[in-house]
Amino acid sequence: QVQLVESGGGLVQPGGSLRLSCVASGFTTGKYVMSWFRQRPGKERELVAFIINVSGKTRYADSVKDRFQISSDNETHTSLQMNGLKPEDTAVYYCGARRSSYNYEPANWGQGTQVTVSS
């Protein structure tokens, strides 16, 4: 049974950092595209970043480029390091997975973890 569990969210001040973790069970991620999406209050879910594990290629939303970094151990752990957090980064962050070498739209989702950036 494919399952994704996120952790690491919380309350942080502007300019601070958080590291989100996504642990996969029921599969290993070596042939998957692993992604992070977020849903800000009143907004639709949007892509934050993804990593194509067979190649190591990554892609980021313009709004987080140079501040966030996605990484994967190609086994069970995918992380999102978030630096220089801004109030507009406040959202529920979701981990996603799809067995693919190019398609980042998730076939499986985690339950989400809340990130709140506020002073």
N, C-alpha and C. Protein backbone atom coordinates (compact mmCIF):
# COMPACT_ATOMS: atom_id res chain seq x y z
N GLN A 1 0.85 -1.19 0.00
CA GLN A 1 0.00 0.00 0.00
C GLN A 1 0.89 1.24 0.00
N VAL A 2 0.70 2.09 -1.02
CA VAL A 2 1.50 3.30 -1.14
C VAL A 2 1.03 4.34 -0.14
N GLN A 3 1.96 4.85 0.62
CA GLN A 3 1.62 5.87 1.61
C GLN A 3 2.74 6.90 1.69
N LEU A 4 2.35 8.16 1.84
CA LEU A 4 3.30 9.25 2.02
C LEU A 4 2.93 9.98 3.30
N VAL A 5 3.92 10.24 4.14
CA VAL A 5 3.68 10.93 5.39
C VAL A 5 4.64 12.10 5.50
N GLU A 6 4.07 13.31 5.62
CA GLU A 6 4.88 14.52 5.76
C GLU A 6 5.04 14.88 7.23
N SER A 7 6.13 15.56 7.52
CA SER A 7 6.37 16.11 8.85
C SER A 7 7.29 17.31 8.71
N GLY A 8 7.42 18.05 9.82
CA GLY A 8 8.36 19.16 9.84
C GLY A 8 7.74 20.54 9.76
N GLY A 9 6.45 20.60 9.56
CA GLY A 9 5.81 21.90 9.52
C GLY A 9 5.76 22.56 10.89
N GLY A 10 5.34 23.82 10.90
CA GLY A 10 5.23 24.53 12.17
C GLY A 10 5.14 26.02 11.96
N LEU A 11 5.34 26.73 13.06
CA LEU A 11 5.31 28.19 13.06
C LEU A 11 6.75 28.71 13.05
N VAL A 12 7.04 29.62 12.15
CA VAL A 12 8.39 30.18 12.05
C VAL A 12 8.28 31.66 11.74
N GLN A 13 9.25 32.43 12.20
CA GLN A 13 9.26 33.85 11.93
C GLN A 13 9.76 34.13 10.51
N PRO A 14 9.36 35.26 9.93
CA PRO A 14 9.89 35.63 8.62
C PRO A 14 11.41 35.63 8.61
N GLY A 15 11.96 35.09 7.54
CA GLY A 15 13.41 34.95 7.43
C GLY A 15 13.94 33.65 7.98
N GLY A 16 13.11 32.90 8.67
CA GLY A 16 13.54 31.65 9.27
C GLY A 16 13.57 30.49 8.28
N SER A 17 13.88 29.32 8.83
CA SER A 17 14.00 28.12 8.00
C SER A 17 13.19 26.97 8.60
N LEU A 18 12.77 26.09 7.73
CA LEU A 18 12.14 24.83 8.12
C LEU A 18 12.58 23.76 7.14
N ARG A 19 12.59 22.53 7.59
CA ARG A 19 12.88 21.40 6.72
C ARG A 19 11.71 20.43 6.79
N LEU A 20 11.04 20.26 5.67
CA LEU A 20 9.94 19.32 5.59
C LEU A 20 10.46 17.96 5.15
N SER A 21 9.86 16.93 5.69
CA SER A 21 10.25 15.56 5.35
C SER A 21 9.04 14.79 4.85
N CYS A 22 9.25 13.95 3.87
CA CYS A 22 8.22 13.07 3.34
C CYS A 22 8.78 11.65 3.34
N VAL A 23 8.12 10.77 4.05
CA VAL A 23 8.55 9.38 4.12
C VAL A 23 7.57 8.51 3.35
N ALA A 24 8.11 7.73 2.42
CA ALA A 24 7.29 6.84 1.61
C ALA A 24 7.29 5.44 2.22
N SER A 25 6.14 4.79 2.16
CA SER A 25 6.06 3.39 2.55
C SER A 25 5.27 2.64 1.49
N GLY A 26 5.61 1.37 1.35
CA GLY A 26 4.95 0.55 0.34
C GLY A 26 5.64 0.58 -1.01
N PHE A 27 6.67 1.43 -1.14
CA PHE A 27 7.43 1.51 -2.38
C PHE A 27 8.72 2.25 -2.08
N THR A 28 9.69 2.14 -3.00
CA THR A 28 10.89 2.97 -2.94
C THR A 28 10.84 3.95 -4.10
N THR A 29 11.46 5.11 -3.90
CA THR A 29 11.21 6.25 -4.79
C THR A 29 12.18 6.37 -5.96
N GLY A 30 13.05 5.40 -6.15
CA GLY A 30 14.09 5.51 -7.17
C GLY A 30 13.59 5.74 -8.58
N LYS A 31 12.42 5.26 -8.94
CA LYS A 31 11.88 5.43 -10.29
C LYS A 31 10.68 6.37 -10.30
N TYR A 32 10.62 7.22 -9.29
CA TYR A 32 9.50 8.14 -9.13
C TYR A 32 9.92 9.59 -9.33
N VAL A 33 8.94 10.40 -9.67
CA VAL A 33 9.07 11.85 -9.54
C VAL A 33 8.43 12.20 -8.21
N MET A 34 9.23 12.80 -7.32
CA MET A 34 8.74 13.23 -6.01
C MET A 34 8.55 14.74 -6.05
N SER A 35 7.48 15.19 -5.47
CA SER A 35 7.15 16.61 -5.57
C SER A 35 6.63 17.16 -4.26
N TRP A 36 6.69 18.46 -4.16
CA TRP A 36 6.06 19.22 -3.08
C TRP A 36 5.11 20.23 -3.72
N PHE A 37 3.89 20.25 -3.23
CA PHE A 37 2.90 21.23 -3.60
C PHE A 37 2.50 21.97 -2.33
N ARG A 38 1.83 23.09 -2.51
CA ARG A 38 1.28 23.79 -1.35
C ARG A 38 -0.06 24.41 -1.72
N GLN A 39 -0.87 24.59 -0.70
CA GLN A 39 -2.15 25.25 -0.86
C GLN A 39 -2.23 26.38 0.14
N ARG A 40 -2.14 27.60 -0.36
CA ARG A 40 -2.23 28.78 0.49
C ARG A 40 -3.69 29.09 0.75
N PRO A 41 -3.97 29.80 1.83
CA PRO A 41 -5.37 30.13 2.17
C PRO A 41 -6.08 30.81 1.00
N GLY A 42 -7.22 30.26 0.62
CA GLY A 42 -8.01 30.84 -0.44
C GLY A 42 -7.48 30.63 -1.83
N LYS A 43 -6.42 29.83 -1.96
CA LYS A 43 -5.80 29.61 -3.28
C LYS A 43 -5.88 28.14 -3.67
N GLU A 44 -5.63 27.87 -4.95
CA GLU A 44 -5.56 26.50 -5.42
C GLU A 44 -4.20 25.90 -5.08
N ARG A 45 -4.17 24.58 -5.06
CA ARG A 45 -2.91 23.90 -4.82
C ARG A 45 -1.94 24.20 -5.96
N GLU A 46 -0.68 24.46 -5.62
CA GLU A 46 0.31 24.82 -6.62
C GLU A 46 1.60 24.06 -6.42
N LEU A 47 2.32 23.87 -7.52
CA LEU A 47 3.60 23.19 -7.47
C LEU A 47 4.65 24.08 -6.79
N VAL A 48 5.42 23.47 -5.89
CA VAL A 48 6.55 24.15 -5.27
C VAL A 48 7.85 23.68 -5.90
N ALA A 49 8.03 22.36 -5.96
CA ALA A 49 9.26 21.80 -6.51
C ALA A 49 9.06 20.32 -6.79
N PHE A 50 9.85 19.79 -7.73
CA PHE A 50 9.87 18.35 -7.91
C PHE A 50 11.27 17.89 -8.26
N ILE A 51 11.50 16.60 -8.05
CA ILE A 51 12.76 15.98 -8.40
C ILE A 51 12.47 14.70 -9.17
N ILE A 52 13.14 14.53 -10.30
CA ILE A 52 13.01 13.31 -11.10
C ILE A 52 14.14 12.39 -10.64
N ASN A 53 13.80 11.37 -9.88
CA ASN A 53 14.84 10.60 -9.20
C ASN A 53 15.74 9.81 -10.15
N VAL A 54 15.25 9.43 -11.33
CA VAL A 54 16.11 8.65 -12.22
C VAL A 54 17.23 9.52 -12.80
N SER A 55 17.03 10.84 -12.82
CA SER A 55 18.04 11.73 -13.39
C SER A 55 18.61 12.72 -12.39
N GLY A 56 17.88 12.95 -11.32
CA GLY A 56 18.29 13.95 -10.34
C GLY A 56 17.89 15.37 -10.71
N LYS A 57 17.20 15.53 -11.84
CA LYS A 57 16.80 16.87 -12.26
C LYS A 57 15.75 17.42 -11.31
N THR A 58 15.84 18.72 -11.07
CA THR A 58 14.89 19.40 -10.21
C THR A 58 14.29 20.60 -10.92
N ARG A 59 13.13 21.02 -10.40
CA ARG A 59 12.49 22.21 -10.94
C ARG A 59 11.75 22.90 -9.80
N TYR A 60 11.77 24.22 -9.81
CA TYR A 60 11.17 25.00 -8.73
C TYR A 60 10.21 26.05 -9.28
N ALA A 61 9.21 26.36 -8.48
CA ALA A 61 8.37 27.52 -8.79
C ALA A 61 9.23 28.77 -8.67
N ASP A 62 8.94 29.76 -9.50
CA ASP A 62 9.73 31.00 -9.46
C ASP A 62 9.71 31.64 -8.09
N SER A 63 8.59 31.51 -7.40
CA SER A 63 8.42 32.17 -6.10
C SER A 63 9.32 31.60 -5.01
N VAL A 64 9.86 30.40 -5.23
CA VAL A 64 10.69 29.77 -4.19
C VAL A 64 12.11 29.50 -4.65
N LYS A 65 12.36 29.75 -5.92
CA LYS A 65 13.70 29.49 -6.47
C LYS A 65 14.74 30.24 -5.66
N ASP A 66 15.85 29.62 -5.39
CA ASP A 66 16.98 30.18 -4.63
C ASP A 66 16.72 30.24 -3.14
N ARG A 67 15.53 29.86 -2.70
CA ARG A 67 15.24 29.81 -1.26
C ARG A 67 14.96 28.39 -0.78
N PHE A 68 14.35 27.57 -1.64
CA PHE A 68 13.97 26.21 -1.27
C PHE A 68 14.84 25.22 -2.03
N GLN A 69 15.06 24.06 -1.42
CA GLN A 69 15.80 23.01 -2.09
C GLN A 69 15.17 21.66 -1.81
N ILE A 70 14.89 20.91 -2.87
CA ILE A 70 14.32 19.58 -2.74
C ILE A 70 15.44 18.57 -2.86
N SER A 71 15.34 17.50 -2.08
CA SER A 71 16.33 16.42 -2.16
C SER A 71 15.64 15.09 -1.89
N SER A 72 16.29 14.03 -2.37
CA SER A 72 15.73 12.69 -2.20
C SER A 72 16.85 11.69 -2.05
N ASP A 73 16.61 10.67 -1.21
CA ASP A 73 17.63 9.63 -1.06
C ASP A 73 17.37 8.46 -2.01
N ASN A 74 16.39 8.61 -2.89
CA ASN A 74 16.01 7.58 -3.86
C ASN A 74 15.54 6.28 -3.19
N GLU A 75 15.27 6.35 -1.93
CA GLU A 75 14.76 5.18 -1.20
C GLU A 75 13.37 5.51 -0.62
N THR A 76 13.37 6.18 0.51
CA THR A 76 12.09 6.46 1.15
C THR A 76 11.93 7.91 1.61
N HIS A 77 13.00 8.69 1.60
CA HIS A 77 12.93 10.04 2.16
C HIS A 77 13.10 11.11 1.09
N THR A 78 12.19 12.06 1.12
CA THR A 78 12.27 13.25 0.27
C THR A 78 12.11 14.45 1.19
N SER A 79 12.98 15.44 1.00
CA SER A 79 12.96 16.60 1.89
C SER A 79 12.79 17.89 1.10
N LEU A 80 12.31 18.91 1.80
CA LEU A 80 12.23 20.25 1.24
C LEU A 80 12.83 21.20 2.27
N GLN A 81 14.02 21.71 1.97
CA GLN A 81 14.66 22.69 2.84
C GLN A 81 14.17 24.06 2.43
N MET A 82 13.58 24.78 3.37
CA MET A 82 13.01 26.09 3.10
C MET A 82 13.74 27.14 3.91
N ASN A 83 14.40 28.05 3.22
CA ASN A 83 15.12 29.14 3.85
C ASN A 83 14.51 30.47 3.46
N GLY A 84 14.81 31.49 4.23
CA GLY A 84 14.30 32.82 3.91
C GLY A 84 12.79 32.86 3.79
N LEU A 85 12.12 32.22 4.73
CA LEU A 85 10.67 32.11 4.63
C LEU A 85 9.98 33.45 4.74
N LYS A 86 8.89 33.58 3.98
CA LYS A 86 8.12 34.79 3.92
C LYS A 86 6.68 34.50 4.36
N PRO A 87 5.96 35.51 4.82
CA PRO A 87 4.56 35.28 5.20
C PRO A 87 3.74 34.64 4.07
N GLU A 88 4.06 34.94 2.84
CA GLU A 88 3.31 34.37 1.72
C GLU A 88 3.64 32.90 1.46
N ASP A 89 4.59 32.36 2.18
CA ASP A 89 4.87 30.92 2.11
C ASP A 89 3.94 30.13 3.03
N THR A 90 3.14 30.83 3.82
CA THR A 90 2.19 30.16 4.70
C THR A 90 1.23 29.32 3.88
N ALA A 91 1.15 28.04 4.19
CA ALA A 91 0.34 27.12 3.39
C ALA A 91 0.37 25.74 4.04
N VAL A 92 -0.51 24.88 3.54
CA VAL A 92 -0.38 23.45 3.81
C VAL A 92 0.47 22.87 2.69
N TYR A 93 1.54 22.18 3.07
CA TYR A 93 2.47 21.60 2.11
C TYR A 93 2.22 20.10 1.98
N TYR A 94 2.12 19.65 0.73
CA TYR A 94 1.82 18.26 0.43
C TYR A 94 2.97 17.62 -0.35
N CYS A 95 3.27 16.41 0.01
CA CYS A 95 4.21 15.59 -0.74
C CYS A 95 3.43 14.77 -1.77
N GLY A 96 4.00 14.64 -2.97
CA GLY A 96 3.35 13.88 -4.02
C GLY A 96 4.34 12.92 -4.67
N ALA A 97 3.80 11.88 -5.30
CA ALA A 97 4.65 10.88 -5.96
C ALA A 97 3.96 10.33 -7.20
N ARG A 98 4.76 10.11 -8.24
CA ARG A 98 4.27 9.43 -9.44
C ARG A 98 5.42 8.62 -10.01
N ARG A 99 5.16 7.37 -10.33
CA ARG A 99 6.17 6.52 -10.96
C ARG A 99 6.30 6.98 -12.42
N SER A 100 7.38 7.70 -12.69
CA SER A 100 7.57 8.30 -14.00
C SER A 100 8.99 8.85 -14.10
N SER A 101 9.42 9.10 -15.34
CA SER A 101 10.71 9.76 -15.54
C SER A 101 10.52 11.19 -16.03
N TYR A 102 9.23 11.65 -16.10
CA TYR A 102 9.00 13.02 -16.59
C TYR A 102 7.74 13.67 -16.04
N ASN A 103 6.74 12.90 -15.71
CA ASN A 103 5.44 13.46 -15.31
C ASN A 103 5.43 13.72 -13.81
N TYR A 104 5.31 15.00 -13.43
CA TYR A 104 5.38 15.34 -12.02
C TYR A 104 4.01 15.42 -11.34
N GLU A 105 2.93 15.26 -12.10
CA GLU A 105 1.61 15.31 -11.47
C GLU A 105 1.43 14.08 -10.59
N PRO A 106 1.23 14.26 -9.30
CA PRO A 106 1.19 13.12 -8.39
C PRO A 106 0.04 12.15 -8.64
N ALA A 107 0.35 10.88 -8.47
CA ALA A 107 -0.68 9.86 -8.43
C ALA A 107 -1.03 9.55 -6.98
N ASN A 108 -0.14 9.89 -6.08
CA ASN A 108 -0.34 9.67 -4.65
C ASN A 108 0.04 10.94 -3.89
N TRP A 109 -0.72 11.20 -2.82
CA TRP A 109 -0.51 12.40 -2.01
C TRP A 109 -0.36 12.02 -0.54
N GLY A 110 0.39 12.85 0.17
CA GLY A 110 0.39 12.77 1.61
C GLY A 110 -0.77 13.58 2.17
N GLN A 111 -0.84 13.62 3.50
CA GLN A 111 -1.97 14.27 4.15
C GLN A 111 -1.73 15.77 4.36
N GLY A 112 -0.49 16.21 4.18
CA GLY A 112 -0.17 17.63 4.32
C GLY A 112 0.39 17.99 5.67
N THR A 113 1.19 19.05 5.68
CA THR A 113 1.73 19.59 6.92
C THR A 113 1.65 21.11 6.84
N GLN A 114 1.20 21.72 7.94
CA GLN A 114 0.96 23.16 7.95
C GLN A 114 2.27 23.92 8.21
N VAL A 115 2.53 24.92 7.38
CA VAL A 115 3.63 25.86 7.60
C VAL A 115 3.04 27.25 7.75
N THR A 116 3.37 27.89 8.86
CA THR A 116 2.88 29.24 9.12
C THR A 116 4.09 30.15 9.35
N VAL A 117 4.17 31.20 8.55
CA VAL A 117 5.27 32.16 8.68
C VAL A 117 4.68 33.47 9.19
N SER A 118 5.02 33.79 10.42
CA SER A 118 4.42 34.96 11.05
C SER A 118 5.30 35.43 12.19
N SER A 119 5.29 36.73 12.41
CA SER A 119 6.01 37.29 13.56
C SER A 119 5.06 37.44 14.75
